[in-house]
Each structure stands twice: as structure tokens, then as C-alpha cells.
C-alpha atoms as a PDB file:
ATOM      1  CA  MET A   1      -3.492  39.442  -2.154  1.00  0.00           C
ATOM      2  CA  GLU A   2      -2.450  39.347   1.835  1.00  0.00           C
ATOM      3  CA  ILE A   3       1.127  37.884   2.177  1.00  0.00           C
ATOM      4  CA  LYS A   4       1.164  36.025   5.217  1.00  0.00           C
ATOM      5  CA  LYS A   5       4.206  35.817   7.453  1.00  0.00           C
ATOM      6  CA  TYR A   6       6.182  32.437   7.620  1.00  0.00           C
ATOM      7  CA  GLU A   7       5.348  32.211  11.383  1.00  0.00           C
ATOM      8  CA  ASP A   8       1.520  32.648  10.467  1.00  0.00           C
ATOM      9  CA  LEU A   9       1.448  29.602   7.962  1.00  0.00           C
ATOM     10  CA  ASN A  10       0.431  26.125   9.274  1.00  0.00           C
ATOM     11  CA  GLU A  11       2.629  23.074   8.937  1.00  0.00           C
ATOM     12  CA  GLY A  12       1.858  21.867   5.533  1.00  0.00           C
ATOM     13  CA  ASP A  13       2.339  25.271   4.021  1.00  0.00           C
ATOM     14  CA  ARG A  14       5.814  25.529   6.107  1.00  0.00           C
ATOM     15  CA  ILE A  15       6.946  22.430   4.279  1.00  0.00           C
ATOM     16  CA  LYS A  16       5.772  23.499   0.930  1.00  0.00           C
ATOM     17  CA  ALA A  17       7.665  27.091   1.562  1.00  0.00           C
ATOM     18  CA  ASP A  18      10.593  25.279   2.505  1.00  0.00           C
ATOM     19  CA  LEU A  19      10.317  22.977  -0.729  1.00  0.00           C
ATOM     20  CA  TYR A  20       9.918  25.765  -2.928  1.00  0.00           C
ATOM     21  CA  SER A  21      12.723  28.025  -1.483  1.00  0.00           C
ATOM     22  CA  ARG A  22      15.438  25.237  -1.788  1.00  0.00           C
ATOM     23  CA  PRO A  23      18.284  26.313  -3.918  1.00  0.00           C
ATOM     24  CA  ASN A  24      17.747  22.799  -6.032  1.00  0.00           C
ATOM     25  CA  ALA A  25      14.000  24.041  -6.377  1.00  0.00           C
ATOM     26  CA  THR A  26      14.907  27.532  -7.521  1.00  0.00           C
ATOM     27  CA  ASN A  27      17.444  26.882 -10.032  1.00  0.00           C
ATOM     28  CA  GLY A  28      15.314  24.005 -11.951  1.00  0.00           C
ATOM     29  CA  LYS A  29      17.277  21.066 -11.140  1.00  0.00           C
ATOM     30  CA  TYR A  30      14.448  19.298  -9.402  1.00  0.00           C
ATOM     31  CA  ARG A  31      12.188  20.396 -12.344  1.00  0.00           C
ATOM     32  CA  ALA A  32      15.152  18.881 -14.709  1.00  0.00           C
ATOM     33  CA  GLY A  33      15.009  15.449 -12.799  1.00  0.00           C
ATOM     34  CA  GLN A  34      11.688  14.783 -12.814  1.00  0.00           C
ATOM     35  CA  ILE A  35      11.277  14.168  -9.412  1.00  0.00           C
ATOM     36  CA  GLY A  36       7.683  15.546  -8.449  1.00  0.00           C
ATOM     37  CA  LEU A  37       9.200  18.461  -6.247  1.00  0.00           C
ATOM     38  CA  ASP A  38       8.672  21.500  -8.685  1.00  0.00           C
ATOM     39  CA  ASN A  39       5.124  21.756  -8.294  1.00  0.00           C
ATOM     40  CA  LEU A  40       3.041  21.151  -5.163  1.00  0.00           C
ATOM     41  CA  SER A  41       0.083  23.409  -5.738  1.00  0.00           C
ATOM     42  CA  HIS A  42      -2.030  20.304  -5.756  1.00  0.00           C
ATOM     43  CA  ILE A  43      -1.085  18.893  -2.497  1.00  0.00           C
ATOM     44  CA  LYS A  44      -3.612  20.090   0.343  1.00  0.00           C
ATOM     45  CA  ALA A  45      -1.434  21.924   2.942  1.00  0.00           C
ATOM     46  CA  SER A  46      -3.649  19.615   5.536  1.00  0.00           C
ATOM     47  CA  ASP A  47      -1.647  16.642   4.067  1.00  0.00           C
ATOM     48  CA  VAL A  48       1.300  17.123   6.437  1.00  0.00           C
ATOM     49  CA  PHE A  49       2.294  13.239   6.204  1.00  0.00           C
ATOM     50  CA  PHE A  50       2.514  13.103   2.398  1.00  0.00           C
ATOM     51  CA  LEU A  51       4.557  16.834   2.239  1.00  0.00           C
ATOM     52  CA  GLU A  52       6.806  15.236   4.958  1.00  0.00           C
ATOM     53  CA  THR A  53       7.527  12.688   2.713  1.00  0.00           C
ATOM     54  CA  LEU A  54       8.492  14.905  -0.096  1.00  0.00           C
ATOM     55  CA  LYS A  55      10.431  16.508   2.279  1.00  0.00           C
ATOM     56  CA  VAL A  56      12.427  13.597   3.272  1.00  0.00           C
ATOM     57  CA  ARG A  57      12.689  12.888  -0.731  1.00  0.00           C
ATOM     58  CA  ALA A  58      14.127  16.550  -1.540  1.00  0.00           C
ATOM     59  CA  ASP A  59      16.937  15.797   1.464  1.00  0.00           C
ATOM     60  CA  SER A  60      17.683  12.859  -0.561  1.00  0.00           C
ATOM     61  CA  ALA A  61      17.463  14.667  -3.701  1.00  0.00           C
ATOM     62  CA  ASP A  62      19.913  17.267  -2.334  1.00  0.00           C
ATOM     63  CA  LYS A  63      22.362  14.891  -0.671  1.00  0.00           C
ATOM     64  CA  MET A  64      22.426  12.943  -4.387  1.00  0.00           C
ATOM     65  CA  ILE A  65      22.796  16.056  -6.142  1.00  0.00           C
ATOM     66  CA  ALA A  66      25.670  17.446  -4.057  1.00  0.00           C
ATOM     67  CA  GLU A  67      27.582  13.973  -4.179  1.00  0.00           C
ATOM     68  CA  ALA A  68      27.465  14.521  -7.854  1.00  0.00           C
ATOM     69  CA  GLU A  69      28.446  17.964  -8.012  1.00  0.00           C
ATOM     70  CA  SER A  70      31.487  16.734  -5.554  1.00  0.00           C
ATOM     71  CA  GLN A  71      32.529  14.027  -8.326  1.00  0.00           C
ATOM     72  CA  GLY A  72      32.791  16.626 -10.993  1.00  0.00           C
ATOM     73  CA  LYS A  73      29.127  15.950 -12.532  1.00  0.00           C
ATOM     74  CA  ASP A  74      27.608  19.179 -14.295  1.00  0.00           C
ATOM     75  CA  THR A  75      24.123  18.690 -12.720  1.00  0.00           C
ATOM     76  CA  THR A  76      22.838  21.929 -14.862  1.00  0.00           C
ATOM     77  CA  ASP A  77      23.057  19.604 -17.857  1.00  0.00           C
ATOM     78  CA  PRO A  78      19.339  18.230 -18.117  1.00  0.00           C
ATOM     79  CA  ASP A  79      20.751  14.777 -19.226  1.00  0.00           C
ATOM     80  CA  VAL A  80      23.029  14.410 -15.685  1.00  0.00           C
ATOM     81  CA  MET A  81      19.939  15.689 -13.902  1.00  0.00           C
ATOM     82  CA  ARG A  82      17.795  13.011 -15.806  1.00  0.00           C
ATOM     83  CA  GLU A  83      20.283  10.105 -14.466  1.00  0.00           C
ATOM     84  CA  LEU A  84      19.881  11.823 -11.209  1.00  0.00           C
ATOM     85  CA  GLY A  85      16.300  11.590 -11.321  1.00  0.00           C
ATOM     86  CA  GLU A  86      15.782   8.051 -12.040  1.00  0.00           C
ATOM     87  CA  LYS A  87      18.028   7.208  -9.018  1.00  0.00           C
ATOM     88  CA  ILE A  88      16.182   9.726  -6.649  1.00  0.00           C
ATOM     89  CA  ASN A  89      12.831   7.842  -8.074  1.00  0.00           C
ATOM     90  CA  ALA A  90      14.236   4.608  -7.696  1.00  0.00           C
ATOM     91  CA  LEU A  91      14.311   5.143  -3.600  1.00  0.00           C
ATOM     92  CA  GLY A  92      10.501   4.969  -3.822  1.00  0.00           C
ATOM     93  CA  LYS A  93       7.142   6.516  -4.859  1.00  0.00           C
ATOM     94  CA  PRO A  94       5.925   8.724  -2.093  1.00  0.00           C
ATOM     95  CA  ILE A  95       2.385   7.525  -0.885  1.00  0.00           C
ATOM     96  CA  HIS A  96      -0.461   9.577   0.945  1.00  0.00           C
ATOM     97  CA  ARG A  97      -0.942   8.455   4.418  1.00  0.00           C
ATOM     98  CA  SER A  98      -4.372   7.328   3.737  1.00  0.00           C
ATOM     99  CA  GLU A  99      -3.183   4.500   1.204  1.00  0.00           C
ATOM    100  CA  ALA A 100      -0.891   3.253   3.876  1.00  0.00           C
ATOM    101  CA  ILE A 101      -3.761   3.109   6.464  1.00  0.00           C
ATOM    102  CA  THR A 102      -5.974   1.500   3.906  1.00  0.00           C
ATOM    103  CA  THR A 103      -3.349  -1.233   3.484  1.00  0.00           C
ATOM    104  CA  ALA A 104      -2.885  -1.825   7.202  1.00  0.00           C
ATOM    105  CA  VAL A 105      -6.653  -2.206   7.568  1.00  0.00           C
ATOM    106  CA  PHE A 106      -6.533  -4.639   4.869  1.00  0.00           C
ATOM    107  CA  VAL A 107      -4.168  -6.602   5.859  1.00  0.00           C
ATOM    108  CA  SER A 108      -5.226  -6.842   9.409  1.00  0.00           C
ATOM    109  CA  LEU A 109      -8.691  -7.918   8.329  1.00  0.00           C
ATOM    110  CA  GLN A 110      -7.093 -10.416   6.288  1.00  0.00           C
ATOM    111  CA  LEU A 111      -4.942 -11.604   9.289  1.00  0.00           C
ATOM    112  CA  ILE A 112      -8.161 -11.534  11.683  1.00  0.00           C
ATOM    113  CA  ALA A 113      -9.907 -13.817   9.299  1.00  0.00           C
ATOM    114  CA  TYR A 114      -7.292 -16.450   9.279  1.00  0.00           C
ATOM    115  CA  CYS A 115      -6.609 -16.530  12.838  1.00  0.00           C
ATOM    116  CA  GLY A 116     -10.603 -16.634  13.421  1.00  0.00           C
ATOM    117  CA  ILE A 117     -10.471 -19.932  10.822  1.00  0.00           C
ATOM    118  CA  ALA A 118      -7.491 -21.560  12.373  1.00  0.00           C
ATOM    119  CA  ILE A 119      -8.539 -21.320  15.890  1.00  0.00           C
ATOM    120  CA  GLY A 120     -12.090 -22.115  14.858  1.00  0.00           C
ATOM    121  CA  ILE A 121     -11.082 -25.614  13.614  1.00  0.00           C
ATOM    122  CA  TRP A 122      -9.974 -26.114  17.117  1.00  0.00           C
ATOM    123  CA  GLY A 123     -13.234 -25.715  18.493  1.00  0.00           C
ATOM    124  CA  LEU A 124     -14.338 -28.630  16.495  1.00  0.00           C
ATOM    125  CA  VAL A 125     -11.433 -30.965  17.497  1.00  0.00           C
ATOM    126  CA  PHE A 126     -12.468 -29.919  21.486  1.00  0.00           C
ATOM    127  CA  LYS A 127     -16.020 -30.761  20.623  1.00  0.00           C
ATOM    128  CA  LYS A 128     -16.793 -27.042  21.118  1.00  0.00           C
ATOM    129  CA  SER A 129     -18.196 -24.257  19.023  1.00  0.00           C
ATOM    130  CA  PHE A 130     -16.709 -23.312  15.787  1.00  0.00           C
ATOM    131  CA  LEU A 131     -17.895 -19.968  16.180  1.00  0.00           C
ATOM    132  CA  VAL A 132     -16.910 -19.024  19.718  1.00  0.00           C
ATOM    133  CA  PHE A 133     -13.178 -20.586  18.977  1.00  0.00           C
ATOM    134  CA  SER A 134     -13.139 -18.641  15.866  1.00  0.00           C
ATOM    135  CA  LEU A 135     -13.982 -15.479  17.929  1.00  0.00           C
ATOM    136  CA  TYR A 136     -11.046 -16.341  20.294  1.00  0.00           C
ATOM    137  CA  GLY A 137      -8.801 -16.725  17.175  1.00  0.00           C
ATOM    138  CA  ALA A 138     -10.394 -13.276  15.526  1.00  0.00           C
ATOM    139  CA  VAL A 139      -9.405 -11.658  18.949  1.00  0.00           C
ATOM    140  CA  ALA A 140      -5.973 -12.847  18.861  1.00  0.00           C
ATOM    141  CA  GLY A 141      -5.637 -11.802  15.105  1.00  0.00           C
ATOM    142  CA  PHE A 142      -7.020  -8.354  16.049  1.00  0.00           C
ATOM    143  CA  VAL A 143      -4.126  -7.915  19.160  1.00  0.00           C
ATOM    144  CA  ILE A 144      -1.301  -9.113  16.932  1.00  0.00           C
ATOM    145  CA  SER A 145      -2.576  -6.866  14.116  1.00  0.00           C
ATOM    146  CA  LEU A 146      -2.738  -4.108  16.401  1.00  0.00           C
ATOM    147  CA  LEU A 147       0.817  -4.661  18.068  1.00  0.00           C
ATOM    148  CA  PHE A 148       2.743  -5.927  15.296  1.00  0.00           C
ATOM    149  CA  VAL A 149       1.380  -5.224  11.903  1.00  0.00           C
ATOM    150  CA  ALA A 150      -0.794  -2.340  11.437  1.00  0.00           C
ATOM    151  CA  PRO A 151       1.332   0.244  13.089  1.00  0.00           C
ATOM    152  CA  VAL A 152       4.027  -0.534  10.954  1.00  0.00           C
ATOM    153  CA  ILE A 153       2.258  -0.506   7.456  1.00  0.00           C
ATOM    154  CA  ALA A 154       0.356   2.556   8.039  1.00  0.00           C
ATOM    155  CA  PHE A 155       3.708   4.589   8.643  1.00  0.00           C
ATOM    156  CA  GLN A 156       5.591   3.635   5.361  1.00  0.00           C
ATOM    157  CA  ARG A 157       5.906   6.356   3.255  1.00  0.00           C
ATOM    158  CA  THR A 158       6.639   5.035   0.017  1.00  0.00           C
ATOM    159  CA  LYS A 159       4.945   2.356  -2.021  1.00  0.00           C
ATOM    160  CA  GLU A 160       7.743  -0.039  -2.243  1.00  0.00           C
ATOM    161  CA  ARG A 161       8.470   0.066   1.570  1.00  0.00           C
ATOM    162  CA  LYS A 162       4.813  -0.653   2.044  1.00  0.00           C
ATOM    163  CA  LYS A 163       4.647  -3.343  -0.330  1.00  0.00           C
ATOM    164  CA  ASN A 164       7.758  -4.989   1.446  1.00  0.00           C
ATOM    165  CA  ILE A 165       6.301  -4.637   4.997  1.00  0.00           C
ATOM    166  CA  VAL A 166       3.215  -6.356   3.508  1.00  0.00           C
ATOM    167  CA  TYR A 167       5.154  -9.035   2.190  1.00  0.00           C
ATOM    168  CA  GLY A 168       7.232  -9.598   5.095  1.00  0.00           C
ATOM    169  CA  ALA A 169       3.816  -9.844   7.257  1.00  0.00           C
ATOM    170  CA  ASP A 170       2.600 -12.440   4.847  1.00  0.00           C
ATOM    171  CA  VAL A 171       5.703 -14.485   4.895  1.00  0.00           C
ATOM    172  CA  LEU A 172       6.056 -14.441   8.735  1.00  0.00           C
ATOM    173  CA  LEU A 173       2.812 -14.817   9.954  1.00  0.00           C
ATOM    174  CA  THR A 174       0.486 -16.187   7.404  1.00  0.00           C
ATOM    175  CA  PRO A 175       2.373 -19.747   7.202  1.00  0.00           C
ATOM    176  CA  ILE A 176       2.127 -20.047  11.060  1.00  0.00           C
ATOM    177  CA  ILE A 177      -1.613 -19.724  11.052  1.00  0.00           C
ATOM    178  CA  PHE A 178      -2.198 -22.032   8.352  1.00  0.00           C
ATOM    179  CA  ILE A 179       0.115 -24.610  10.077  1.00  0.00           C
ATOM    180  CA  ILE A 180      -2.155 -23.896  13.270  1.00  0.00           C
ATOM    181  CA  GLY A 181      -5.082 -24.658  10.736  1.00  0.00           C
ATOM    182  CA  ILE A 182      -3.797 -27.633   9.214  1.00  0.00           C
ATOM    183  CA  VAL A 183      -2.690 -29.446  12.361  1.00  0.00           C
ATOM    184  CA  GLY A 184      -6.269 -28.711  13.810  1.00  0.00           C
ATOM    185  CA  LEU A 185      -7.969 -30.157  10.907  1.00  0.00           C
ATOM    186  CA  ILE A 186      -5.994 -33.445  10.861  1.00  0.00           C
ATOM    187  CA  ALA A 187      -6.521 -33.742  14.416  1.00  0.00           C
ATOM    188  CA  TRP A 188     -10.359 -33.316  13.585  1.00  0.00           C
ATOM    189  CA  VAL A 189     -10.175 -35.607  11.065  1.00  0.00           C
ATOM    190  CA  ILE A 190      -8.102 -37.925  13.100  1.00  0.00           C
ATOM    191  CA  LYS A 191     -10.856 -38.157  15.709  1.00  0.00           C
ATOM    192  CA  LEU A 192     -13.767 -38.331  13.332  1.00  0.00           C
ATOM    193  CA  ILE A 193     -12.185 -41.713  12.215  1.00  0.00           C
ATOM    194  CA  PHE A 194     -10.938 -43.206  15.095  1.00  0.00           C
ATOM    195  CA  PHE A 195     -12.832 -41.777  18.104  1.00  0.00           C
END
């Protein structure tokens, strides 16, 4: 088997080499803390985004381990490391980029549909085509998604952060869209009854 030089490795393999060569990996502290940094063989070198996320986790773990040691804690004790591992894992479960992108696409499609329906109702108010106004609304939803929603969600690195961003987008945008649709529906009903 040919041994490659560090310079000849691709970016993913370089990150793996960095993670495996860290002192806390070689002395078994990552394994004792059960933080998922001790066995990277199942991760493809082409999944650079996920490996970078693990590198961020390793940086946090190294910092927390160093802080614990500076406070006089014995990080060679498996119980101490398990406790530290729980704190490190509480920072968030790393996700693959494909999961973040899939969520971004789903949320964007949902926003496009909501905008299409809400604006389509206004087509009925102005005695125009519901479908044409829905198309305008869908385009507006697409632009909003493209500029403000999808990029933010697609670059999240942990499940918790992704969940928080999706929740924030729902809380911020969905009520506004529903208000536009409900006001349009009320206007349409009033127009049907009185005009």
C-alpha cells in the first residue's frame, strides 16, 4: 500500500488527518467523551462540508477539554470525559449538507405555495385570474426564498441550528403571508356580498 504525503491528500482527507492527529484523538479523550470524532472511516472524503462541521466540533471539544484541565479536572477519568462529552454533544448534532439543502428546498417550496395562494386570492378581489396572480405570488415567494431563506438554512451545520432557523422563518414570514391572504379573502367576500 502506497503512503501518500499530506500535500497529496484532497481536502477531505486532510481534515480527517487533522482530526485523527489531534492530541485528544490520539490519547483517547474523544472516544471516552463519545463525541463522534474517533472513527471517521464511514465518512467520505468528498463530504467536505460535514468534515468541516466535525472540525468545528473538534475545536470546541479541544477548548472545553483544555478549560476543564485548567480548572483542575482529571480528563483522563472516563466519567469526567463522559460528562464533558454530554456538554460537547449539547452544542448540536452535526448534519450532512444534503440534509440542510433538502430542508432549504422544502421550506422554500412551502413558502412559494403560501405566497402563490395568498396573492392568488387578490386576483379574485380585482376580478382577474386567480392563476395569474398565484403565479405572481409564487415568483415573489421564490425571490424571498432565494434571497433570505434557502441560503441561510442550506449552510447550517447542526440539526438544532437548522431547526431554529426553520422555526424563525416560519414565525417571521408565515403570519405575514396568511394576513395578506386573509385580508384578500375578506375583501373578496365583502365584494361578493355588497358589490
